Amino acid sequence: MNLYGVRAIYWFELSRWFRTLSQSILSPVISTSLYFVVFGSAIGSRMKSIDGVSYGAFIVPGLLMLSLLTESLSNASFGIHMPKWSGTIYELLSAPVSWIETVLGYVGAAATKSILLGLIILVTARLFVPFHIAHPVWMAGFLVLTAITFSLFGFIIGVWADSFEKLQIVPILIITPLTFLGGSFYSISMLPPLWRKITLFNPVVYLVSGFRWSFYGISDVGVGLSLAMTLVFMTICLFLVWLIFKTGYRLKT
């Protein structure tokens, strides 16, 4: 294992993030704060509790998951797309660094940034609504696992995209709608039976449900199923990343 190479990629990506720290942190924190003001305070004060949890506290895991997915995708996709755009990807491919070490550096840095941002948003949420974390170890586990999984997915998007515009297609047109429809602001048990069954095909449901269980001990699907679905998606992403480096898809051409 070339730890020097992994460390070089990892710290290079983190240093790039630190150079734009105010933009990287302020924008998502302000956006999330607005969600709490509108949904948590204005709308939440007029809604009854869900499964014994106030609406403002109920949406905390969903909003945190929304930010985590968006930032993980953005950080990882932009991180690998920049070397492709500038042409330095060929120097990386010719360096004595394996594909595993390359992925560890880029995905590790993207996941680290997303986790730090998630923790900052968690502290920010405390300023607006009171909440508790029933299973802190599980919460940390889901936080890290989700950040790694979607950083891998973002890495794939960054390789696939051949322009900066395409980097935004999947997050805006797919991930964000799936997150909103995945129970971030409501329980899927509130839906009609037909729509409840359709919603179960949304993979984000399992992420939000497992994450919410770690906070309040309530979930729309079993926590074991949530964990299994997350691991399956991560395995698929790992396989696709391996395939990209094996075939050189959009890396060597």
Protein backbone atom coordinates (compact mmCIF):
# COMPACT_ATOMS: atom_id res chain seq x y z
CA MET A 1 0.00 0.00 0.00
CA ASN A 2 1.42 3.33 -1.13
CA LEU A 3 0.38 5.36 1.91
CA TYR A 4 2.39 8.36 0.72
CA GLY A 5 0.35 8.50 -2.49
CA VAL A 6 -2.94 8.12 -0.61
CA ARG A 7 -1.95 10.84 1.84
CA ALA A 8 -0.87 13.19 -0.95
CA ILE A 9 -4.21 12.89 -2.79
CA TYR A 10 -6.18 13.10 0.46
CA TRP A 11 -4.52 16.25 1.77
CA PHE A 12 -4.51 17.91 -1.64
CA GLU A 13 -8.29 17.52 -1.82
CA LEU A 14 -8.77 18.74 1.75
CA SER A 15 -6.52 21.76 1.17
CA ARG A 16 -8.61 22.71 -1.88
CA TRP A 17 -11.71 22.55 0.32
CA PHE A 18 -10.09 24.67 3.04
CA ARG A 19 -9.29 27.39 0.49
CA THR A 20 -13.03 27.85 -0.11
CA LEU A 21 -14.10 27.02 3.43
CA SER A 22 -16.57 29.88 3.84
CA GLN A 23 -18.39 28.97 0.63
CA SER A 24 -18.22 25.24 1.31
CA ILE A 25 -19.74 25.54 4.78
CA LEU A 26 -21.84 28.70 4.82
CA SER A 27 -23.97 27.85 1.80
CA PRO A 28 -25.25 24.43 3.02
CA VAL A 29 -25.62 25.64 6.62
CA ILE A 30 -27.68 28.67 5.54
CA SER A 31 -29.83 26.50 3.24
CA THR A 32 -30.47 23.99 6.03
CA SER A 33 -31.25 26.79 8.49
CA LEU A 34 -33.88 28.11 6.09
CA TYR A 35 -35.46 24.65 5.97
CA PHE A 36 -35.68 24.65 9.77
CA VAL A 37 -37.18 28.12 9.82
CA VAL A 38 -39.81 27.31 7.17
CA PHE A 39 -40.60 23.66 7.90
CA GLY A 40 -39.56 23.35 11.52
CA SER A 41 -40.93 26.60 12.92
CA ALA A 42 -43.55 27.98 10.54
CA ILE A 43 -45.12 24.71 9.36
CA GLY A 44 -44.03 22.48 12.25
CA SER A 45 -45.87 24.61 14.82
CA ARG A 46 -49.13 23.83 13.02
CA MET A 47 -48.54 20.08 12.64
CA LYS A 48 -49.06 17.35 15.18
CA SER A 49 -46.20 15.12 16.27
CA ILE A 50 -45.24 12.05 14.23
CA ASP A 51 -44.82 8.84 16.24
CA GLY A 52 -44.41 10.93 19.37
CA VAL A 53 -41.72 13.20 17.87
CA SER A 54 -42.35 16.87 17.14
CA TYR A 55 -42.30 17.70 13.45
CA GLY A 56 -39.34 20.05 13.80
CA ALA A 57 -37.25 17.29 15.40
CA PHE A 58 -38.62 14.66 13.01
CA ILE A 59 -37.14 16.35 9.94
CA VAL A 60 -33.64 16.73 11.43
CA PRO A 61 -32.35 13.33 10.16
CA GLY A 62 -33.93 13.90 6.75
CA LEU A 63 -32.39 17.34 6.31
CA LEU A 64 -29.04 16.06 7.50
CA MET A 65 -29.25 13.20 5.01
CA LEU A 66 -30.20 15.61 2.21
CA SER A 67 -27.09 17.71 2.87
CA LEU A 68 -24.90 14.64 3.29
CA LEU A 69 -25.94 13.09 -0.04
CA THR A 70 -25.62 16.36 -1.94
CA GLU A 71 -22.22 17.27 -0.53
CA SER A 72 -20.79 13.75 -0.89
CA LEU A 73 -21.76 13.66 -4.56
CA SER A 74 -20.52 17.17 -5.23
CA ASN A 75 -17.17 16.82 -3.43
CA ALA A 76 -16.23 13.48 -4.98
CA SER A 77 -17.42 14.25 -8.52
CA PHE A 78 -15.67 17.62 -8.66
CA GLY A 79 -12.50 16.17 -7.10
CA ILE A 80 -11.92 13.58 -9.85
CA HIS A 81 -13.37 15.72 -12.67
CA MET A 82 -10.82 18.51 -12.18
CA PRO A 83 -7.79 16.29 -13.06
CA LYS A 84 -9.70 15.08 -16.14
CA TRP A 85 -10.47 18.63 -17.20
CA SER A 86 -6.93 19.92 -16.62
CA GLY A 87 -5.23 16.85 -18.09
CA THR A 88 -3.32 15.96 -14.92
CA ILE A 89 -5.24 12.68 -14.74
CA TYR A 90 -2.57 11.15 -17.00
CA GLU A 91 0.14 11.96 -14.47
CA LEU A 92 -1.96 10.26 -11.82
CA LEU A 93 -2.53 7.17 -13.97
CA SER A 94 1.18 6.87 -14.72
CA ALA A 95 2.20 7.29 -11.06
CA PRO A 96 2.93 4.23 -8.90
CA VAL A 97 -0.52 4.47 -7.29
CA SER A 98 -3.07 1.66 -7.65
CA TRP A 99 -6.75 2.23 -8.29
CA ILE A 100 -7.55 1.34 -4.67
CA GLU A 101 -5.10 3.96 -3.40
CA THR A 102 -6.50 6.56 -5.80
CA VAL A 103 -10.05 5.86 -4.65
CA LEU A 104 -8.99 5.92 -0.99
CA GLY A 105 -7.50 9.37 -1.47
CA TYR A 106 -10.35 10.99 -3.41
CA VAL A 107 -13.29 9.23 -1.76
CA GLY A 108 -11.72 9.48 1.70
CA ALA A 109 -11.31 13.25 1.33
CA ALA A 110 -14.85 13.70 -0.04
CA ALA A 111 -16.35 11.59 2.77
CA THR A 112 -14.34 13.49 5.39
CA LYS A 113 -15.61 16.83 4.11
CA SER A 114 -19.21 15.58 4.05
CA ILE A 115 -19.00 14.16 7.58
CA LEU A 116 -17.54 17.40 8.96
CA LEU A 117 -20.27 19.39 7.26
CA GLY A 118 -22.90 16.96 8.57
CA LEU A 119 -21.67 17.44 12.13
CA ILE A 120 -21.74 21.23 11.71
CA ILE A 121 -25.33 21.04 10.43
CA LEU A 122 -26.23 18.79 13.36
CA VAL A 123 -24.96 21.44 15.77
CA THR A 124 -26.81 24.13 13.79
CA ALA A 125 -30.05 22.14 14.00
CA ARG A 126 -29.76 22.18 17.78
CA LEU A 127 -30.16 25.96 17.68
CA PHE A 128 -33.60 25.63 16.09
CA VAL A 129 -35.17 22.47 17.52
CA PRO A 130 -34.50 20.22 20.52
CA PHE A 131 -33.75 16.61 19.62
CA HIS A 132 -32.00 13.61 21.06
CA ILE A 133 -29.93 10.76 19.61
CA ALA A 134 -31.10 7.40 20.96
CA HIS A 135 -28.34 5.35 19.31
CA PRO A 136 -25.25 7.58 18.82
CA VAL A 137 -23.01 4.71 17.67
CA TRP A 138 -25.51 3.70 14.98
CA MET A 139 -25.94 7.34 14.02
CA ALA A 140 -22.19 7.73 13.52
CA GLY A 141 -22.10 4.44 11.60
CA PHE A 142 -24.89 5.47 9.21
CA LEU A 143 -23.29 8.90 8.81
CA VAL A 144 -19.91 7.48 7.81
CA LEU A 145 -21.33 4.66 5.68
CA THR A 146 -23.63 6.99 3.74
CA ALA A 147 -20.85 9.53 3.19
CA ILE A 148 -18.50 6.85 1.83
CA THR A 149 -21.18 5.24 -0.35
CA PHE A 150 -22.30 8.46 -2.02
CA SER A 151 -18.74 9.70 -2.35
CA LEU A 152 -18.09 6.54 -4.38
CA PHE A 153 -21.19 7.31 -6.42
CA GLY A 154 -19.98 10.88 -6.90
CA PHE A 155 -16.59 9.57 -8.03
CA ILE A 156 -18.37 7.56 -10.74
CA ILE A 157 -20.34 10.63 -11.82
CA GLY A 158 -17.15 12.69 -11.98
CA VAL A 159 -15.53 10.14 -14.30
CA TRP A 160 -18.67 9.82 -16.44
CA ALA A 161 -19.28 13.56 -16.88
CA ASP A 162 -17.45 15.20 -19.77
CA SER A 163 -18.42 18.74 -18.78
CA PHE A 164 -19.06 20.73 -15.62
CA GLU A 165 -22.73 21.03 -16.55
CA LYS A 166 -23.16 17.25 -16.48
CA LEU A 167 -21.80 17.12 -12.94
CA GLN A 168 -25.06 18.73 -11.78
CA ILE A 169 -27.46 16.55 -13.76
CA VAL A 170 -27.60 13.55 -11.43
CA PRO A 171 -27.66 15.50 -8.12
CA ILE A 172 -30.31 17.98 -9.27
CA LEU A 173 -32.55 15.77 -11.43
CA ILE A 174 -32.25 12.46 -9.56
CA ILE A 175 -30.78 12.57 -6.06
CA THR A 176 -32.56 15.68 -4.74
CA PRO A 177 -36.05 14.57 -5.91
CA LEU A 178 -35.45 11.06 -4.53
CA THR A 179 -34.45 12.56 -1.19
CA PHE A 180 -37.55 14.74 -1.02
CA LEU A 181 -39.71 11.73 -1.94
CA GLY A 182 -37.80 9.42 0.40
CA GLY A 183 -39.45 10.43 3.67
CA SER A 184 -37.17 13.32 4.60
CA PHE A 185 -40.12 15.53 5.59
CA TYR A 186 -42.75 12.89 6.36
CA SER A 187 -43.25 9.26 7.29
CA ILE A 188 -44.12 7.00 4.37
CA SER A 189 -46.75 5.40 6.62
CA MET A 190 -48.77 8.59 6.02
CA LEU A 191 -49.04 7.75 2.31
CA PRO A 192 -51.85 5.73 0.69
CA PRO A 193 -51.05 1.98 0.46
CA LEU A 194 -50.27 2.07 -3.29
CA TRP A 195 -47.84 4.99 -3.02
CA ARG A 196 -46.29 3.44 0.06
CA LYS A 197 -45.37 0.37 -1.96
CA ILE A 198 -44.04 2.48 -4.84
CA THR A 199 -41.92 4.53 -2.42
CA LEU A 200 -40.16 1.38 -1.23
CA PHE A 201 -38.39 1.25 -4.61
CA ASN A 202 -36.69 4.53 -3.70
CA PRO A 203 -33.27 3.63 -2.20
CA VAL A 204 -33.11 6.90 -0.25
CA VAL A 205 -36.05 5.70 1.87
CA TYR A 206 -33.81 3.11 3.49
CA LEU A 207 -31.06 5.65 4.19
CA VAL A 208 -33.39 8.19 5.78
CA SER A 209 -35.31 5.51 7.70
CA GLY A 210 -32.19 3.94 9.20
CA PHE A 211 -30.75 7.33 10.06
CA ARG A 212 -34.00 8.44 11.73
CA TRP A 213 -34.09 5.21 13.74
CA SER A 214 -30.66 6.03 15.16
CA PHE A 215 -32.12 9.33 16.45
CA TYR A 216 -35.54 8.39 17.80
CA GLY A 217 -35.87 4.60 17.57
CA ILE A 218 -38.62 4.89 14.93
CA SER A 219 -38.37 3.92 11.27
CA ASP A 220 -40.47 3.20 8.21
CA VAL A 221 -38.49 0.04 7.40
CA GLY A 222 -36.38 -2.24 9.57
CA VAL A 223 -32.95 -0.93 10.53
CA GLY A 224 -31.38 -4.20 9.38
CA LEU A 225 -32.90 -3.76 5.93
CA SER A 226 -31.71 -0.14 5.81
CA LEU A 227 -28.16 -1.23 6.63
CA ALA A 228 -28.28 -4.07 4.10
CA MET A 229 -29.52 -1.81 1.28
CA THR A 230 -26.79 0.74 2.01
CA LEU A 231 -24.11 -1.97 1.91
CA VAL A 232 -25.51 -3.38 -1.34
CA PHE A 233 -25.39 0.06 -2.98
CA MET A 234 -21.84 0.60 -1.73
CA THR A 235 -20.79 -2.78 -3.15
CA ILE A 236 -22.30 -1.89 -6.53
CA CYS A 237 -20.43 1.43 -6.53
CA LEU A 238 -17.15 -0.29 -5.63
CA PHE A 239 -17.62 -2.74 -8.48
CA LEU A 240 -18.31 0.08 -10.96
CA VAL A 241 -15.22 1.98 -9.80
CA TRP A 242 -13.10 -1.15 -10.24
CA LEU A 243 -14.59 -1.60 -13.73
CA ILE A 244 -13.77 2.02 -14.63
CA PHE A 245 -10.10 1.59 -13.79
CA LYS A 246 -9.91 -1.86 -15.37
CA THR A 247 -11.31 -0.66 -18.69
CA GLY A 248 -9.99 2.93 -18.53
CA TYR A 249 -13.51 4.23 -19.18
CA ARG A 250 -13.25 8.00 -19.84
CA LEU A 251 -9.92 8.10 -18.05
CA LYS A 252 -7.49 7.10 -20.78
CA THR A 253 -9.31 8.70 -23.68
